[in-house]
Amino acid sequence: MKNYICMPCGWTYDPAVGDVDNGIAPGTAFDELPEDWTCPVCGAPKQLFEEEKLNR
């Protein structure tokens, strides 16, 4: 599963961790998040997240 970064604030959604404080269990892929889920730091909508690109 891939991490996704909130473009407005830089917070990273890590599927291995989830967003337990907001009812998202560890192991939940970004694509499985509810459409109304928002960044727990700045409140940005899911559409403002981008897939983390790993430099290799």
N, C-alpha and C. Protein backbone atom coordinates (compact mmCIF):
# COMPACT_ATOMS: atom_id res chain seq x y z
N MET A 1 0.84 -1.19 0.00
CA MET A 1 0.00 0.00 0.00
C MET A 1 0.88 1.24 0.00
N LYS A 2 0.39 2.27 -0.65
CA LYS A 2 1.17 3.48 -0.83
C LYS A 2 0.74 4.56 0.15
N ASN A 3 1.70 5.41 0.53
CA ASN A 3 1.42 6.57 1.37
C ASN A 3 0.94 7.72 0.48
N TYR A 4 0.15 8.60 1.07
CA TYR A 4 -0.35 9.78 0.36
C TYR A 4 -0.08 11.01 1.21
N ILE A 5 0.34 12.09 0.56
CA ILE A 5 0.73 13.32 1.25
C ILE A 5 -0.32 14.41 1.01
N CYS A 6 -0.69 15.09 2.09
CA CYS A 6 -1.60 16.23 2.01
C CYS A 6 -0.81 17.40 1.44
N MET A 7 -1.21 17.88 0.28
CA MET A 7 -0.48 18.96 -0.37
C MET A 7 -0.53 20.29 0.41
N PRO A 8 -1.64 20.65 1.04
CA PRO A 8 -1.65 21.91 1.78
C PRO A 8 -0.74 21.92 3.03
N CYS A 9 -0.66 20.81 3.77
CA CYS A 9 0.08 20.86 5.04
C CYS A 9 1.25 19.89 5.13
N GLY A 10 1.33 18.90 4.24
CA GLY A 10 2.45 17.96 4.26
C GLY A 10 2.26 16.72 5.11
N TRP A 11 1.11 16.58 5.78
CA TRP A 11 0.86 15.39 6.59
C TRP A 11 0.78 14.17 5.68
N THR A 12 1.30 13.04 6.13
CA THR A 12 1.31 11.82 5.33
C THR A 12 0.32 10.80 5.88
N TYR A 13 -0.57 10.32 5.00
CA TYR A 13 -1.45 9.21 5.36
C TYR A 13 -0.70 7.92 5.08
N ASP A 14 -0.46 7.15 6.14
CA ASP A 14 0.22 5.86 6.04
C ASP A 14 -0.82 4.78 6.28
N PRO A 15 -1.14 3.97 5.26
CA PRO A 15 -2.18 2.95 5.42
C PRO A 15 -1.86 1.94 6.53
N ALA A 16 -0.59 1.71 6.81
CA ALA A 16 -0.22 0.77 7.87
C ALA A 16 -0.64 1.29 9.24
N VAL A 17 -0.76 2.61 9.36
CA VAL A 17 -1.14 3.25 10.62
C VAL A 17 -2.62 3.60 10.63
N GLY A 18 -3.15 3.99 9.48
CA GLY A 18 -4.54 4.43 9.39
C GLY A 18 -4.72 5.81 10.00
N ASP A 19 -5.93 6.10 10.45
CA ASP A 19 -6.27 7.36 11.12
C ASP A 19 -7.23 6.98 12.24
N VAL A 20 -6.69 6.28 13.23
CA VAL A 20 -7.49 5.68 14.29
C VAL A 20 -8.35 6.72 15.02
N ASP A 21 -7.80 7.92 15.22
CA ASP A 21 -8.57 8.96 15.92
C ASP A 21 -9.84 9.34 15.18
N ASN A 22 -9.88 9.07 13.87
CA ASN A 22 -11.06 9.39 13.06
C ASN A 22 -11.76 8.15 12.52
N GLY A 23 -11.53 7.01 13.16
CA GLY A 23 -12.26 5.79 12.82
C GLY A 23 -11.72 5.01 11.65
N ILE A 24 -10.49 5.31 11.20
CA ILE A 24 -9.90 4.59 10.07
C ILE A 24 -8.89 3.58 10.63
N ALA A 25 -9.20 2.31 10.47
CA ALA A 25 -8.37 1.25 11.05
C ALA A 25 -7.04 1.10 10.30
N PRO A 26 -5.99 0.69 11.03
CA PRO A 26 -4.73 0.37 10.35
C PRO A 26 -4.98 -0.67 9.27
N GLY A 27 -4.27 -0.55 8.16
CA GLY A 27 -4.45 -1.46 7.05
C GLY A 27 -5.45 -0.98 6.01
N THR A 28 -6.01 0.22 6.21
CA THR A 28 -6.98 0.78 5.26
C THR A 28 -6.24 1.53 4.16
N ALA A 29 -6.37 1.06 2.93
CA ALA A 29 -5.74 1.72 1.78
C ALA A 29 -6.39 3.08 1.56
N PHE A 30 -5.61 4.01 1.00
CA PHE A 30 -6.11 5.36 0.74
C PHE A 30 -7.37 5.31 -0.12
N ASP A 31 -7.39 4.45 -1.13
CA ASP A 31 -8.54 4.33 -2.02
C ASP A 31 -9.80 3.86 -1.30
N GLU A 32 -9.63 3.25 -0.13
CA GLU A 32 -10.77 2.74 0.63
C GLU A 32 -11.31 3.75 1.64
N LEU A 33 -10.64 4.89 1.77
CA LEU A 33 -11.12 5.92 2.70
C LEU A 33 -12.45 6.47 2.19
N PRO A 34 -13.34 6.84 3.11
CA PRO A 34 -14.62 7.44 2.69
C PRO A 34 -14.36 8.72 1.89
N GLU A 35 -15.23 9.02 0.95
CA GLU A 35 -15.06 10.22 0.12
C GLU A 35 -15.09 11.51 0.95
N ASP A 36 -15.75 11.49 2.11
CA ASP A 36 -15.83 12.69 2.94
C ASP A 36 -14.72 12.77 3.99
N TRP A 37 -13.77 11.82 3.95
CA TRP A 37 -12.64 11.86 4.87
C TRP A 37 -11.78 13.07 4.57
N THR A 38 -11.25 13.71 5.61
CA THR A 38 -10.40 14.88 5.43
C THR A 38 -9.12 14.73 6.24
N CYS A 39 -8.12 15.51 5.89
CA CYS A 39 -6.85 15.51 6.59
C CYS A 39 -7.09 15.82 8.07
N PRO A 40 -6.57 14.99 8.97
CA PRO A 40 -6.79 15.24 10.40
C PRO A 40 -6.02 16.46 10.93
N VAL A 41 -5.09 16.98 10.16
CA VAL A 41 -4.31 18.14 10.60
C VAL A 41 -4.93 19.45 10.11
N CYS A 42 -5.20 19.55 8.79
CA CYS A 42 -5.67 20.83 8.24
C CYS A 42 -7.10 20.79 7.69
N GLY A 43 -7.69 19.59 7.59
CA GLY A 43 -9.06 19.49 7.10
C GLY A 43 -9.20 19.47 5.60
N ALA A 44 -8.08 19.34 4.88
CA ALA A 44 -8.14 19.30 3.41
C ALA A 44 -8.87 18.04 2.95
N PRO A 45 -9.62 18.14 1.86
CA PRO A 45 -10.32 16.96 1.35
C PRO A 45 -9.36 15.95 0.72
N LYS A 46 -9.84 14.75 0.60
CA LYS A 46 -9.07 13.64 0.03
C LYS A 46 -8.48 13.98 -1.35
N GLN A 47 -9.18 14.81 -2.11
CA GLN A 47 -8.75 15.15 -3.46
C GLN A 47 -7.44 15.95 -3.48
N LEU A 48 -7.06 16.54 -2.34
CA LEU A 48 -5.84 17.34 -2.27
C LEU A 48 -4.63 16.53 -1.80
N PHE A 49 -4.75 15.22 -1.77
CA PHE A 49 -3.64 14.34 -1.42
C PHE A 49 -3.03 13.80 -2.70
N GLU A 50 -1.70 13.61 -2.67
CA GLU A 50 -1.00 13.01 -3.80
C GLU A 50 -0.18 11.82 -3.33
N GLU A 51 -0.06 10.85 -4.20
CA GLU A 51 0.73 9.67 -3.89
C GLU A 51 2.17 10.06 -3.62
N GLU A 52 2.72 9.49 -2.56
CA GLU A 52 4.12 9.77 -2.22
C GLU A 52 5.03 9.10 -3.24
N LYS A 53 5.93 9.88 -3.79
CA LYS A 53 6.89 9.35 -4.75
C LYS A 53 8.19 9.05 -4.03
N LEU A 54 8.65 7.83 -4.14
CA LEU A 54 9.89 7.43 -3.49
C LEU A 54 11.04 7.63 -4.44
N ASN A 55 12.08 8.29 -3.97
CA ASN A 55 13.28 8.48 -4.80
C ASN A 55 14.13 7.23 -4.72
N ARG A 56 14.40 6.66 -5.86
CA ARG A 56 15.21 5.44 -5.90
C ARG A 56 16.36 5.62 -6.83
